[in-house]
Amino acid sequence: MNKFISILFIYIATVFYVLASYYHLSFKDWTFWKAFCVAVPLVIIEYCFSLRGNYYANTILKLNALQILLITLIFYFINLWILNFVILKNDVVLWKEVVAFVCIVFAFFISGIMDNKI
């Protein structure tokens, strides 16, 4: 169970980061200060989960910084897709998004194979 807590913490951190960074785009009349006051608490929560998740991923899962970053990017993609389709309702070219996602997943596996961890 401890092995999965680091991945869960990293995922939770990316959820808060995406909300802090992009959710305000769904509102048309937000001022800078209103967005700032909403984003800062979310970023602080994100930072706490990210620090603990990165620490556990390094010490328990023995992942290096690049592998942790690639996992984080995969979660960013997933959360941004959800935000785009559900909340922002933006039009995207799906095949381009899928190709980018596959490239990041491929980079993660290449990094893991070269370290003999996967």
N, C-alpha and C. Protein backbone atom coordinates (compact mmCIF):
# COMPACT_ATOMS: atom_id res chain seq x y z
N MET A 1 0.83 -1.20 0.00
CA MET A 1 0.00 0.00 0.00
C MET A 1 0.86 1.25 0.00
N ASN A 2 2.00 1.23 0.68
CA ASN A 2 2.88 2.40 0.73
C ASN A 2 3.41 2.79 -0.64
N LYS A 3 3.55 1.81 -1.54
CA LYS A 3 4.05 2.10 -2.88
C LYS A 3 3.07 2.95 -3.67
N PHE A 4 1.80 2.78 -3.42
CA PHE A 4 0.79 3.51 -4.19
C PHE A 4 0.49 4.88 -3.60
N ILE A 5 0.86 5.12 -2.35
CA ILE A 5 0.56 6.40 -1.72
C ILE A 5 1.34 7.52 -2.39
N SER A 6 2.55 7.25 -2.83
CA SER A 6 3.33 8.30 -3.50
C SER A 6 2.68 8.70 -4.81
N ILE A 7 2.20 7.73 -5.57
CA ILE A 7 1.53 8.02 -6.84
C ILE A 7 0.22 8.75 -6.57
N LEU A 8 -0.51 8.34 -5.54
CA LEU A 8 -1.75 9.03 -5.18
C LEU A 8 -1.49 10.47 -4.79
N PHE A 9 -0.45 10.71 -4.00
CA PHE A 9 -0.11 12.08 -3.60
C PHE A 9 0.26 12.94 -4.81
N ILE A 10 1.02 12.37 -5.73
CA ILE A 10 1.39 13.11 -6.94
C ILE A 10 0.14 13.43 -7.76
N TYR A 11 -0.78 12.46 -7.87
CA TYR A 11 -2.01 12.72 -8.62
C TYR A 11 -2.84 13.82 -7.96
N ILE A 12 -3.01 13.75 -6.66
CA ILE A 12 -3.77 14.78 -5.94
C ILE A 12 -3.12 16.15 -6.14
N ALA A 13 -1.80 16.20 -6.10
CA ALA A 13 -1.09 17.47 -6.32
C ALA A 13 -1.40 18.03 -7.71
N THR A 14 -1.42 17.16 -8.72
CA THR A 14 -1.70 17.65 -10.08
C THR A 14 -3.14 18.14 -10.22
N VAL A 15 -4.06 17.51 -9.50
CA VAL A 15 -5.45 17.99 -9.53
C VAL A 15 -5.52 19.42 -9.00
N PHE A 16 -4.88 19.67 -7.87
CA PHE A 16 -4.90 21.02 -7.29
C PHE A 16 -4.16 22.02 -8.17
N TYR A 17 -3.07 21.58 -8.81
CA TYR A 17 -2.34 22.48 -9.69
C TYR A 17 -3.18 22.87 -10.90
N VAL A 18 -3.83 21.91 -11.51
CA VAL A 18 -4.66 22.19 -12.67
C VAL A 18 -5.82 23.12 -12.29
N LEU A 19 -6.43 22.86 -11.15
CA LEU A 19 -7.50 23.75 -10.71
C LEU A 19 -6.99 25.16 -10.45
N ALA A 20 -5.85 25.28 -9.80
CA ALA A 20 -5.29 26.59 -9.50
C ALA A 20 -4.88 27.34 -10.77
N SER A 21 -4.38 26.63 -11.75
CA SER A 21 -3.83 27.26 -12.94
C SER A 21 -4.85 27.52 -14.04
N TYR A 22 -5.84 26.65 -14.18
CA TYR A 22 -6.68 26.71 -15.36
C TYR A 22 -8.18 26.87 -15.10
N TYR A 23 -8.65 26.56 -13.92
CA TYR A 23 -10.10 26.59 -13.66
C TYR A 23 -10.68 27.99 -13.85
N HIS A 24 -9.92 29.01 -13.50
CA HIS A 24 -10.43 30.38 -13.62
C HIS A 24 -10.71 30.77 -15.07
N LEU A 25 -10.21 30.01 -16.03
CA LEU A 25 -10.48 30.31 -17.44
C LEU A 25 -11.96 30.12 -17.79
N SER A 26 -12.69 29.40 -16.96
CA SER A 26 -14.11 29.18 -17.23
C SER A 26 -14.96 30.38 -16.83
N PHE A 27 -14.37 31.36 -16.14
CA PHE A 27 -15.09 32.55 -15.72
C PHE A 27 -14.65 33.74 -16.57
N LYS A 28 -15.61 34.51 -17.05
CA LYS A 28 -15.30 35.62 -17.95
C LYS A 28 -14.95 36.91 -17.21
N ASP A 29 -15.48 37.12 -16.03
CA ASP A 29 -15.31 38.41 -15.37
C ASP A 29 -14.39 38.35 -14.14
N TRP A 30 -13.45 37.46 -14.15
CA TRP A 30 -12.54 37.37 -13.02
C TRP A 30 -11.46 38.43 -13.14
N THR A 31 -11.14 39.04 -12.04
CA THR A 31 -10.02 39.97 -11.99
C THR A 31 -8.77 39.20 -11.57
N PHE A 32 -7.65 39.84 -11.71
CA PHE A 32 -6.40 39.21 -11.31
C PHE A 32 -6.43 38.85 -9.83
N TRP A 33 -6.90 39.75 -8.99
CA TRP A 33 -6.87 39.51 -7.55
C TRP A 33 -7.82 38.43 -7.12
N LYS A 34 -8.96 38.33 -7.79
CA LYS A 34 -9.89 37.26 -7.46
C LYS A 34 -9.27 35.90 -7.82
N ALA A 35 -8.67 35.82 -8.99
CA ALA A 35 -8.00 34.59 -9.40
C ALA A 35 -6.83 34.28 -8.47
N PHE A 36 -6.09 35.29 -8.08
CA PHE A 36 -4.97 35.12 -7.17
C PHE A 36 -5.42 34.56 -5.82
N CYS A 37 -6.48 35.12 -5.29
CA CYS A 37 -6.98 34.69 -3.97
C CYS A 37 -7.52 33.27 -3.99
N VAL A 38 -8.01 32.83 -5.12
CA VAL A 38 -8.48 31.45 -5.23
C VAL A 38 -7.32 30.51 -5.52
N ALA A 39 -6.37 30.93 -6.35
CA ALA A 39 -5.29 30.05 -6.79
C ALA A 39 -4.25 29.78 -5.71
N VAL A 40 -3.91 30.78 -4.92
CA VAL A 40 -2.83 30.61 -3.94
C VAL A 40 -3.10 29.50 -2.92
N PRO A 41 -4.29 29.44 -2.31
CA PRO A 41 -4.53 28.31 -1.39
C PRO A 41 -4.46 26.94 -2.09
N LEU A 42 -4.93 26.89 -3.33
CA LEU A 42 -4.86 25.62 -4.08
C LEU A 42 -3.41 25.23 -4.36
N VAL A 43 -2.59 26.21 -4.68
CA VAL A 43 -1.18 25.93 -4.96
C VAL A 43 -0.46 25.48 -3.70
N ILE A 44 -0.80 26.04 -2.56
CA ILE A 44 -0.18 25.62 -1.30
C ILE A 44 -0.53 24.16 -1.00
N ILE A 45 -1.79 23.78 -1.21
CA ILE A 45 -2.19 22.38 -1.02
C ILE A 45 -1.45 21.50 -2.02
N GLU A 46 -1.38 21.94 -3.26
CA GLU A 46 -0.67 21.18 -4.30
C GLU A 46 0.78 20.97 -3.90
N TYR A 47 1.41 22.01 -3.39
CA TYR A 47 2.82 21.94 -3.01
C TYR A 47 3.04 20.91 -1.90
N CYS A 48 2.16 20.88 -0.93
CA CYS A 48 2.30 19.92 0.18
C CYS A 48 2.19 18.48 -0.33
N PHE A 49 1.19 18.20 -1.17
CA PHE A 49 1.05 16.85 -1.71
C PHE A 49 2.21 16.50 -2.64
N SER A 50 2.65 17.47 -3.42
CA SER A 50 3.73 17.23 -4.36
C SER A 50 5.04 16.90 -3.64
N LEU A 51 5.36 17.66 -2.60
CA LEU A 51 6.58 17.39 -1.85
C LEU A 51 6.59 15.98 -1.26
N ARG A 52 5.50 15.62 -0.61
CA ARG A 52 5.43 14.31 0.04
C ARG A 52 5.41 13.20 -1.02
N GLY A 53 4.64 13.39 -2.09
CA GLY A 53 4.58 12.38 -3.15
C GLY A 53 5.92 12.18 -3.83
N ASN A 54 6.62 13.28 -4.12
CA ASN A 54 7.94 13.17 -4.75
C ASN A 54 8.94 12.49 -3.82
N TYR A 55 8.88 12.81 -2.54
CA TYR A 55 9.77 12.18 -1.57
C TYR A 55 9.52 10.67 -1.50
N TYR A 56 8.26 10.28 -1.39
CA TYR A 56 7.94 8.86 -1.33
C TYR A 56 8.30 8.15 -2.63
N ALA A 57 8.06 8.80 -3.77
CA ALA A 57 8.39 8.17 -5.05
C ALA A 57 9.90 7.94 -5.15
N ASN A 58 10.67 8.85 -4.61
CA ASN A 58 12.12 8.69 -4.65
C ASN A 58 12.62 7.67 -3.65
N THR A 59 12.10 7.69 -2.43
CA THR A 59 12.63 6.80 -1.39
C THR A 59 12.01 5.42 -1.42
N ILE A 60 10.73 5.33 -1.68
CA ILE A 60 10.06 4.02 -1.65
C ILE A 60 10.11 3.33 -3.01
N LEU A 61 9.75 4.07 -4.07
CA LEU A 61 9.72 3.47 -5.41
C LEU A 61 11.06 3.52 -6.11
N LYS A 62 12.01 4.27 -5.54
CA LYS A 62 13.35 4.42 -6.11
C LYS A 62 13.32 5.02 -7.52
N LEU A 63 12.40 5.97 -7.74
CA LEU A 63 12.32 6.66 -9.03
C LEU A 63 13.23 7.88 -8.98
N ASN A 64 13.84 8.19 -10.13
CA ASN A 64 14.67 9.39 -10.18
C ASN A 64 13.79 10.60 -10.51
N ALA A 65 14.40 11.78 -10.51
CA ALA A 65 13.64 13.02 -10.70
C ALA A 65 12.95 13.06 -12.06
N LEU A 66 13.61 12.56 -13.10
CA LEU A 66 13.00 12.57 -14.44
C LEU A 66 11.77 11.67 -14.48
N GLN A 67 11.85 10.52 -13.88
CA GLN A 67 10.70 9.61 -13.86
C GLN A 67 9.54 10.20 -13.07
N ILE A 68 9.83 10.87 -11.98
CA ILE A 68 8.78 11.51 -11.20
C ILE A 68 8.13 12.62 -12.02
N LEU A 69 8.96 13.39 -12.72
CA LEU A 69 8.42 14.45 -13.58
C LEU A 69 7.54 13.88 -14.68
N LEU A 70 7.94 12.78 -15.28
CA LEU A 70 7.15 12.18 -16.35
C LEU A 70 5.81 11.66 -15.82
N ILE A 71 5.81 11.07 -14.64
CA ILE A 71 4.55 10.65 -14.03
C ILE A 71 3.66 11.86 -13.78
N THR A 72 4.26 12.93 -13.28
CA THR A 72 3.50 14.16 -13.03
C THR A 72 2.91 14.71 -14.32
N LEU A 73 3.69 14.70 -15.40
CA LEU A 73 3.18 15.18 -16.69
C LEU A 73 2.04 14.33 -17.21
N ILE A 74 2.12 13.03 -17.01
CA ILE A 74 1.02 12.14 -17.41
C ILE A 74 -0.25 12.52 -16.66
N PHE A 75 -0.13 12.77 -15.37
CA PHE A 75 -1.30 13.18 -14.58
C PHE A 75 -1.80 14.56 -14.99
N TYR A 76 -0.89 15.47 -15.34
CA TYR A 76 -1.32 16.78 -15.83
C TYR A 76 -2.16 16.62 -17.09
N PHE A 77 -1.70 15.80 -18.02
CA PHE A 77 -2.47 15.56 -19.24
C PHE A 77 -3.86 15.04 -18.93
N ILE A 78 -3.94 14.04 -18.06
CA ILE A 78 -5.24 13.46 -17.73
C ILE A 78 -6.16 14.51 -17.11
N ASN A 79 -5.65 15.26 -16.15
CA ASN A 79 -6.48 16.27 -15.48
C ASN A 79 -6.87 17.41 -16.41
N LEU A 80 -5.96 17.81 -17.29
CA LEU A 80 -6.31 18.87 -18.24
C LEU A 80 -7.33 18.39 -19.27
N TRP A 81 -7.24 17.14 -19.67
CA TRP A 81 -8.28 16.60 -20.57
C TRP A 81 -9.64 16.65 -19.89
N ILE A 82 -9.68 16.23 -18.65
CA ILE A 82 -10.96 16.26 -17.91
C ILE A 82 -11.46 17.70 -17.80
N LEU A 83 -10.58 18.62 -17.45
CA LEU A 83 -10.98 20.02 -17.33
C LEU A 83 -11.45 20.58 -18.67
N ASN A 84 -10.73 20.26 -19.75
CA ASN A 84 -11.11 20.74 -21.07
C ASN A 84 -12.48 20.24 -21.50
N PHE A 85 -12.73 18.97 -21.33
CA PHE A 85 -13.97 18.39 -21.83
C PHE A 85 -15.15 18.65 -20.92
N VAL A 86 -14.95 18.64 -19.62
CA VAL A 86 -16.07 18.73 -18.69
C VAL A 86 -16.40 20.18 -18.33
N ILE A 87 -15.41 20.98 -18.01
CA ILE A 87 -15.67 22.32 -17.49
C ILE A 87 -15.51 23.40 -18.56
N LEU A 88 -14.36 23.42 -19.23
CA LEU A 88 -14.11 24.47 -20.21
C LEU A 88 -14.81 24.23 -21.55
N LYS A 89 -15.08 22.97 -21.85
CA LYS A 89 -15.74 22.57 -23.09
C LYS A 89 -15.02 23.13 -24.32
N ASN A 90 -13.70 23.04 -24.31
CA ASN A 90 -12.89 23.51 -25.44
C ASN A 90 -12.84 22.44 -26.52
N ASP A 91 -12.74 22.91 -27.75
CA ASP A 91 -12.54 21.99 -28.86
C ASP A 91 -11.05 21.69 -28.98
N VAL A 92 -10.73 20.43 -29.04
CA VAL A 92 -9.34 20.02 -29.21
C VAL A 92 -9.28 18.98 -30.32
N VAL A 93 -8.11 18.87 -30.92
CA VAL A 93 -7.88 17.84 -31.92
C VAL A 93 -7.40 16.61 -31.16
N LEU A 94 -8.29 15.65 -31.00
CA LEU A 94 -8.04 14.52 -30.10
C LEU A 94 -6.81 13.72 -30.50
N TRP A 95 -6.59 13.51 -31.78
CA TRP A 95 -5.46 12.67 -32.17
C TRP A 95 -4.13 13.31 -31.78
N LYS A 96 -4.05 14.64 -31.82
CA LYS A 96 -2.82 15.32 -31.40
C LYS A 96 -2.59 15.15 -29.91
N GLU A 97 -3.67 15.24 -29.15
CA GLU A 97 -3.56 15.06 -27.70
C GLU A 97 -3.12 13.64 -27.36
N VAL A 98 -3.67 12.67 -28.06
CA VAL A 98 -3.32 11.27 -27.81
C VAL A 98 -1.86 11.00 -28.18
N VAL A 99 -1.41 11.55 -29.30
CA VAL A 99 -0.01 11.37 -29.70
C VAL A 99 0.93 11.97 -28.66
N ALA A 100 0.63 13.16 -28.17
CA ALA A 100 1.46 13.79 -27.14
C ALA A 100 1.48 12.94 -25.87
N PHE A 101 0.33 12.43 -25.47
CA PHE A 101 0.24 11.60 -24.28
C PHE A 101 1.04 10.31 -24.44
N VAL A 102 0.94 9.68 -25.58
CA VAL A 102 1.68 8.44 -25.84
C VAL A 102 3.19 8.71 -25.81
N CYS A 103 3.62 9.85 -26.34
CA CYS A 103 5.05 10.19 -26.31
C CYS A 103 5.55 10.33 -24.87
N ILE A 104 4.76 10.94 -24.01
CA ILE A 104 5.18 11.09 -22.62
C ILE A 104 5.21 9.74 -21.91
N VAL A 105 4.21 8.90 -22.15
CA VAL A 105 4.20 7.57 -21.55
C VAL A 105 5.40 6.76 -22.07
N PHE A 106 5.68 6.87 -23.35
CA PHE A 106 6.83 6.18 -23.94
C PHE A 106 8.13 6.66 -23.29
N ALA A 107 8.25 7.96 -23.07
CA ALA A 107 9.45 8.51 -22.41
C ALA A 107 9.61 7.94 -21.01
N PHE A 108 8.50 7.78 -20.30
CA PHE A 108 8.56 7.20 -18.96
C PHE A 108 9.09 5.77 -19.02
N PHE A 109 8.57 4.98 -19.94
CA PHE A 109 9.03 3.59 -20.03
C PHE A 109 10.47 3.50 -20.50
N ILE A 110 10.89 4.35 -21.42
CA ILE A 110 12.29 4.35 -21.85
C ILE A 110 13.20 4.71 -20.68
N SER A 111 12.80 5.71 -19.91
CA SER A 111 13.58 6.10 -18.73
C SER A 111 13.68 4.95 -17.73
N GLY A 112 12.58 4.27 -17.52
CA GLY A 112 12.57 3.15 -16.57
C GLY A 112 13.36 1.95 -17.06
N ILE A 113 13.29 1.68 -18.35
CA ILE A 113 14.02 0.55 -18.91
C ILE A 113 15.53 0.80 -18.83
N MET A 114 15.93 2.04 -19.09
CA MET A 114 17.36 2.35 -19.05
C MET A 114 17.90 2.28 -17.62
N ASP A 115 17.05 2.47 -16.63
CA ASP A 115 17.46 2.32 -15.24
C ASP A 115 17.19 0.91 -14.71
N ASN A 116 16.69 0.03 -15.55
CA ASN A 116 16.35 -1.35 -15.17
C ASN A 116 15.37 -1.42 -14.02
N LYS A 117 14.37 -0.52 -14.01
CA LYS A 117 13.39 -0.51 -12.94
C LYS A 117 12.02 -0.96 -13.41
N ILE A 118 11.83 -1.09 -14.69
CA ILE A 118 10.52 -1.51 -15.19
C ILE A 118 10.65 -2.87 -15.84
